[in-house]
């Protein structure tokens, strides 16, 4: 409600009183930024097989290339597209994507 006040002050004031707050919304303290709530610990990586995106996998941001390759190869959709073949190369671009070359 407090963040909405600069854009819609009249409706914000009305809603502020309807939810049970006393006093004006203009007197309320502005929210403080907390970096803890906006830091990411994992990313959804697209997984391509021979250059075509087939699936996405949610992996931690601090994962190494060999670990990311193992996680990608363990995925059931990747297994379906590999059809039992051994990949020639696994390309892992940290923060971007995983590409498996058959």
N, C-alpha and C. Protein backbone atom coordinates (compact mmCIF):
# COMPACT_ATOMS: atom_id res chain seq x y z
N UNK A 1 0.82 -1.18 0.00
CA UNK A 1 0.00 0.00 0.00
C UNK A 1 0.87 1.25 0.00
N UNK A 2 1.93 1.23 0.78
CA UNK A 2 2.79 2.41 0.89
C UNK A 2 3.48 2.70 -0.44
N UNK A 3 3.87 1.65 -1.16
CA UNK A 3 4.52 1.83 -2.45
C UNK A 3 3.55 2.34 -3.52
N UNK A 4 2.29 2.04 -3.36
CA UNK A 4 1.27 2.48 -4.31
C UNK A 4 0.89 3.94 -4.11
N UNK A 5 1.13 4.48 -2.94
CA UNK A 5 0.69 5.83 -2.58
C UNK A 5 1.15 6.93 -3.55
N UNK A 6 2.40 6.96 -4.02
CA UNK A 6 2.78 8.03 -4.94
C UNK A 6 2.00 8.01 -6.26
N UNK A 7 1.50 6.87 -6.67
CA UNK A 7 0.81 6.75 -7.96
C UNK A 7 -0.70 6.90 -7.82
N UNK A 8 -1.25 6.44 -6.70
CA UNK A 8 -2.69 6.51 -6.47
C UNK A 8 -2.94 6.89 -5.02
N UNK A 9 -2.74 8.15 -4.67
CA UNK A 9 -2.80 8.53 -3.25
C UNK A 9 -4.19 8.42 -2.63
N UNK A 10 -5.23 8.73 -3.38
CA UNK A 10 -6.56 8.74 -2.80
C UNK A 10 -7.06 7.32 -2.49
N UNK A 11 -6.89 6.42 -3.45
CA UNK A 11 -7.34 5.04 -3.23
C UNK A 11 -6.46 4.36 -2.18
N UNK A 12 -5.17 4.70 -2.15
CA UNK A 12 -4.27 4.12 -1.14
C UNK A 12 -4.68 4.53 0.26
N UNK A 13 -5.04 5.80 0.40
CA UNK A 13 -5.50 6.29 1.70
C UNK A 13 -6.79 5.58 2.13
N UNK A 14 -7.68 5.39 1.18
CA UNK A 14 -8.96 4.73 1.46
C UNK A 14 -8.73 3.27 1.87
N UNK A 15 -7.90 2.55 1.11
CA UNK A 15 -7.61 1.15 1.42
C UNK A 15 -6.85 1.01 2.74
N UNK A 16 -5.98 1.97 3.03
CA UNK A 16 -5.22 1.97 4.27
C UNK A 16 -6.15 1.98 5.48
N UNK A 17 -7.19 2.80 5.39
CA UNK A 17 -8.13 2.86 6.52
C UNK A 17 -9.05 1.64 6.55
N UNK A 18 -9.35 1.06 5.37
CA UNK A 18 -10.22 -0.12 5.33
C UNK A 18 -9.56 -1.36 5.92
N UNK A 19 -8.25 -1.47 5.83
CA UNK A 19 -7.59 -2.66 6.39
C UNK A 19 -7.29 -2.50 7.88
N UNK A 20 -7.76 -1.38 8.46
CA UNK A 20 -7.70 -1.26 9.91
C UNK A 20 -6.60 -0.40 10.46
N UNK A 21 -5.86 0.30 9.63
CA UNK A 21 -4.80 1.17 10.12
C UNK A 21 -5.37 2.52 10.53
N UNK A 22 -4.81 3.08 11.58
CA UNK A 22 -5.26 4.40 12.00
C UNK A 22 -4.25 5.44 11.52
N UNK A 23 -4.69 6.63 11.30
CA UNK A 23 -3.81 7.69 10.82
C UNK A 23 -3.70 7.64 9.30
N UNK A 24 -2.88 8.52 8.78
CA UNK A 24 -2.72 8.65 7.34
C UNK A 24 -1.62 7.72 6.83
N UNK A 25 -1.79 7.26 5.60
CA UNK A 25 -0.75 6.43 4.98
C UNK A 25 0.49 7.26 4.68
N UNK A 26 0.32 8.57 4.56
CA UNK A 26 1.45 9.45 4.30
C UNK A 26 2.40 9.53 5.49
N UNK A 27 1.91 9.18 6.67
CA UNK A 27 2.75 9.18 7.87
C UNK A 27 3.44 7.83 8.11
N UNK A 28 3.08 6.82 7.34
CA UNK A 28 3.67 5.49 7.51
C UNK A 28 5.12 5.48 7.03
N UNK A 29 5.94 4.65 7.64
CA UNK A 29 7.35 4.55 7.27
C UNK A 29 7.49 3.83 5.93
N UNK A 30 8.36 4.35 5.08
CA UNK A 30 8.62 3.74 3.78
C UNK A 30 9.40 2.45 3.97
N UNK A 31 9.11 1.39 3.21
CA UNK A 31 9.81 0.12 3.38
C UNK A 31 11.32 0.25 3.13
N UNK A 32 12.10 -0.50 3.88
CA UNK A 32 13.55 -0.49 3.77
C UNK A 32 13.98 -1.65 2.88
N UNK A 33 14.93 -1.37 1.97
CA UNK A 33 15.45 -2.41 1.08
C UNK A 33 16.27 -3.41 1.86
N UNK A 34 16.01 -4.71 1.63
CA UNK A 34 16.76 -5.79 2.27
C UNK A 34 17.28 -6.70 1.17
N UNK A 35 18.59 -6.69 0.97
CA UNK A 35 19.20 -7.45 -0.12
C UNK A 35 18.99 -8.95 0.01
N UNK A 36 18.74 -9.43 1.20
CA UNK A 36 18.54 -10.86 1.45
C UNK A 36 17.39 -11.42 0.61
N UNK A 37 16.38 -10.61 0.35
CA UNK A 37 15.20 -11.09 -0.36
C UNK A 37 15.32 -11.03 -1.88
N UNK A 38 16.37 -10.41 -2.40
CA UNK A 38 16.50 -10.29 -3.86
C UNK A 38 17.70 -11.04 -4.43
N UNK A 39 18.52 -11.66 -3.59
CA UNK A 39 19.66 -12.41 -4.09
C UNK A 39 19.20 -13.79 -4.55
N UNK A 40 19.73 -14.22 -5.67
CA UNK A 40 19.36 -15.51 -6.23
C UNK A 40 20.40 -16.55 -5.84
N UNK A 41 19.94 -17.77 -5.58
CA UNK A 41 20.86 -18.85 -5.26
C UNK A 41 20.83 -19.94 -6.34
N UNK A 42 19.82 -19.90 -7.21
CA UNK A 42 19.70 -20.89 -8.27
C UNK A 42 19.20 -20.21 -9.54
N UNK A 43 19.44 -20.87 -10.67
CA UNK A 43 19.02 -20.34 -11.97
C UNK A 43 18.44 -21.47 -12.79
N UNK A 44 17.48 -21.14 -13.62
CA UNK A 44 16.89 -22.13 -14.51
C UNK A 44 17.67 -22.09 -15.83
N UNK A 45 18.48 -23.12 -16.06
CA UNK A 45 19.32 -23.20 -17.24
C UNK A 45 18.58 -23.90 -18.39
N UNK A 46 18.58 -23.32 -19.58
CA UNK A 46 18.05 -24.05 -20.73
C UNK A 46 19.06 -25.12 -21.15
N UNK A 47 18.56 -26.29 -21.51
CA UNK A 47 19.42 -27.39 -21.94
C UNK A 47 19.14 -27.65 -23.41
N UNK A 48 20.19 -27.50 -24.23
CA UNK A 48 20.07 -27.75 -25.67
C UNK A 48 20.77 -29.04 -26.02
N UNK A 49 20.18 -29.76 -26.95
CA UNK A 49 20.79 -30.98 -27.46
C UNK A 49 20.99 -30.76 -28.95
N UNK A 50 22.25 -30.79 -29.38
CA UNK A 50 22.64 -30.48 -30.75
C UNK A 50 22.11 -29.13 -31.20
N UNK A 51 22.15 -28.14 -30.30
CA UNK A 51 21.79 -26.78 -30.66
C UNK A 51 20.32 -26.43 -30.55
N UNK A 52 19.47 -27.39 -30.22
CA UNK A 52 18.04 -27.12 -30.10
C UNK A 52 17.62 -27.28 -28.64
N UNK A 53 16.96 -26.25 -28.12
CA UNK A 53 16.56 -26.30 -26.72
C UNK A 53 15.49 -27.36 -26.51
N UNK A 54 15.72 -28.22 -25.54
CA UNK A 54 14.79 -29.32 -25.28
C UNK A 54 14.11 -29.22 -23.91
N UNK A 55 14.81 -28.67 -22.92
CA UNK A 55 14.24 -28.59 -21.57
C UNK A 55 14.97 -27.53 -20.77
N UNK A 56 14.52 -27.31 -19.55
CA UNK A 56 15.21 -26.42 -18.62
C UNK A 56 15.43 -27.17 -17.30
N UNK A 57 16.53 -26.83 -16.63
CA UNK A 57 16.88 -27.47 -15.36
C UNK A 57 17.24 -26.36 -14.36
N UNK A 58 16.72 -26.47 -13.16
CA UNK A 58 17.03 -25.51 -12.11
C UNK A 58 18.28 -25.98 -11.37
N UNK A 59 19.38 -25.20 -11.48
CA UNK A 59 20.67 -25.57 -10.90
C UNK A 59 21.20 -24.41 -10.06
N UNK A 60 21.93 -24.74 -9.01
CA UNK A 60 22.55 -23.73 -8.15
C UNK A 60 23.53 -22.87 -8.95
N UNK A 61 23.67 -21.60 -8.57
CA UNK A 61 24.56 -20.69 -9.29
C UNK A 61 26.04 -20.99 -9.07
N UNK A 62 26.39 -21.66 -7.98
CA UNK A 62 27.79 -21.92 -7.70
C UNK A 62 28.26 -23.30 -8.18
N UNK A 63 27.51 -23.91 -9.09
CA UNK A 63 27.85 -25.24 -9.57
C UNK A 63 28.99 -25.15 -10.60
N UNK A 64 29.84 -26.18 -10.63
CA UNK A 64 30.94 -26.26 -11.59
C UNK A 64 30.47 -26.95 -12.87
N UNK A 65 31.27 -26.86 -13.92
CA UNK A 65 30.89 -27.38 -15.23
C UNK A 65 30.65 -28.89 -15.23
N UNK A 66 31.53 -29.66 -14.59
CA UNK A 66 31.37 -31.11 -14.60
C UNK A 66 30.14 -31.54 -13.82
N UNK A 67 29.85 -30.86 -12.72
CA UNK A 67 28.65 -31.16 -11.92
C UNK A 67 27.38 -30.82 -12.70
N UNK A 68 27.41 -29.70 -13.41
CA UNK A 68 26.24 -29.29 -14.21
C UNK A 68 25.99 -30.31 -15.33
N UNK A 69 27.05 -30.83 -15.92
CA UNK A 69 26.90 -31.85 -16.95
C UNK A 69 26.28 -33.13 -16.40
N UNK A 70 26.68 -33.52 -15.21
CA UNK A 70 26.11 -34.72 -14.59
C UNK A 70 24.64 -34.53 -14.27
N UNK A 71 24.29 -33.34 -13.78
CA UNK A 71 22.89 -33.06 -13.46
C UNK A 71 22.05 -33.07 -14.73
N UNK A 72 22.58 -32.48 -15.81
CA UNK A 72 21.85 -32.44 -17.07
C UNK A 72 21.66 -33.84 -17.65
N UNK A 73 22.69 -34.66 -17.58
CA UNK A 73 22.60 -36.02 -18.12
C UNK A 73 21.66 -36.90 -17.30
N UNK A 74 21.45 -36.58 -16.04
CA UNK A 74 20.55 -37.36 -15.20
C UNK A 74 19.08 -37.03 -15.44
N UNK A 75 18.81 -35.92 -16.14
CA UNK A 75 17.43 -35.50 -16.41
C UNK A 75 16.76 -36.49 -17.36
N UNK A 76 15.50 -36.83 -17.08
CA UNK A 76 14.80 -37.84 -17.90
C UNK A 76 14.50 -37.34 -19.32
N UNK A 77 14.25 -36.06 -19.50
CA UNK A 77 13.98 -35.54 -20.85
C UNK A 77 15.26 -35.58 -21.69
N UNK A 78 16.38 -35.26 -21.07
CA UNK A 78 17.67 -35.34 -21.77
C UNK A 78 17.96 -36.79 -22.14
N UNK A 79 17.69 -37.72 -21.24
CA UNK A 79 17.90 -39.15 -21.52
C UNK A 79 17.06 -39.60 -22.72
N UNK A 80 15.83 -39.08 -22.80
CA UNK A 80 14.96 -39.43 -23.92
C UNK A 80 15.56 -38.97 -25.25
N UNK A 81 16.11 -37.74 -25.27
CA UNK A 81 16.67 -37.21 -26.51
C UNK A 81 18.02 -37.82 -26.85
N UNK A 82 18.75 -38.29 -25.86
CA UNK A 82 20.04 -38.94 -26.13
C UNK A 82 19.85 -40.33 -26.73
N UNK A 83 18.73 -40.96 -26.45
CA UNK A 83 18.39 -42.30 -26.97
C UNK A 83 19.50 -43.31 -26.71
N UNK A 84 20.10 -43.25 -25.53
CA UNK A 84 21.13 -44.21 -25.16
C UNK A 84 22.51 -43.89 -25.71
N UNK A 85 22.65 -42.85 -26.52
CA UNK A 85 23.95 -42.48 -27.08
C UNK A 85 24.78 -41.73 -26.04
N UNK A 86 26.07 -41.83 -26.17
CA UNK A 86 26.99 -41.11 -25.29
C UNK A 86 27.28 -39.74 -25.89
N UNK A 87 27.15 -38.66 -25.11
CA UNK A 87 27.42 -37.33 -25.67
C UNK A 87 28.90 -37.14 -25.97
N UNK A 88 29.19 -36.48 -27.11
CA UNK A 88 30.57 -36.21 -27.48
C UNK A 88 31.15 -35.06 -26.67
N UNK A 89 30.28 -34.07 -26.39
CA UNK A 89 30.76 -32.89 -25.70
C UNK A 89 29.61 -32.25 -24.92
N UNK A 90 29.93 -31.74 -23.74
CA UNK A 90 28.96 -30.99 -22.95
C UNK A 90 29.53 -29.59 -22.73
N UNK A 91 28.81 -28.60 -23.24
CA UNK A 91 29.25 -27.21 -23.14
C UNK A 91 28.40 -26.53 -22.07
N UNK A 92 29.07 -26.02 -21.03
CA UNK A 92 28.38 -25.34 -19.94
C UNK A 92 28.86 -23.90 -19.89
N UNK A 93 27.95 -22.96 -20.12
CA UNK A 93 28.26 -21.54 -20.01
C UNK A 93 27.61 -21.06 -18.72
N UNK A 94 28.44 -20.74 -17.74
CA UNK A 94 27.95 -20.39 -16.41
C UNK A 94 27.01 -19.19 -16.48
N UNK A 95 25.82 -19.38 -15.93
CA UNK A 95 24.83 -18.33 -15.91
C UNK A 95 24.02 -18.21 -17.19
N UNK A 96 24.32 -19.02 -18.21
CA UNK A 96 23.63 -18.90 -19.49
C UNK A 96 22.90 -20.18 -19.89
N UNK A 97 23.64 -21.26 -20.21
CA UNK A 97 23.01 -22.46 -20.75
C UNK A 97 23.91 -23.68 -20.68
N UNK A 98 23.30 -24.83 -21.00
CA UNK A 98 24.02 -26.10 -21.13
C UNK A 98 23.71 -26.64 -22.50
N UNK A 99 24.74 -27.02 -23.27
CA UNK A 99 24.53 -27.59 -24.60
C UNK A 99 25.20 -28.96 -24.64
N UNK A 100 24.44 -29.96 -25.07
CA UNK A 100 24.95 -31.33 -25.18
C UNK A 100 25.06 -31.68 -26.65
N UNK A 101 26.26 -32.07 -27.07
CA UNK A 101 26.50 -32.45 -28.47
C UNK A 101 26.58 -33.95 -28.54
N UNK A 102 25.74 -34.54 -29.40
CA UNK A 102 25.74 -36.00 -29.57
C UNK A 102 26.67 -36.37 -30.71
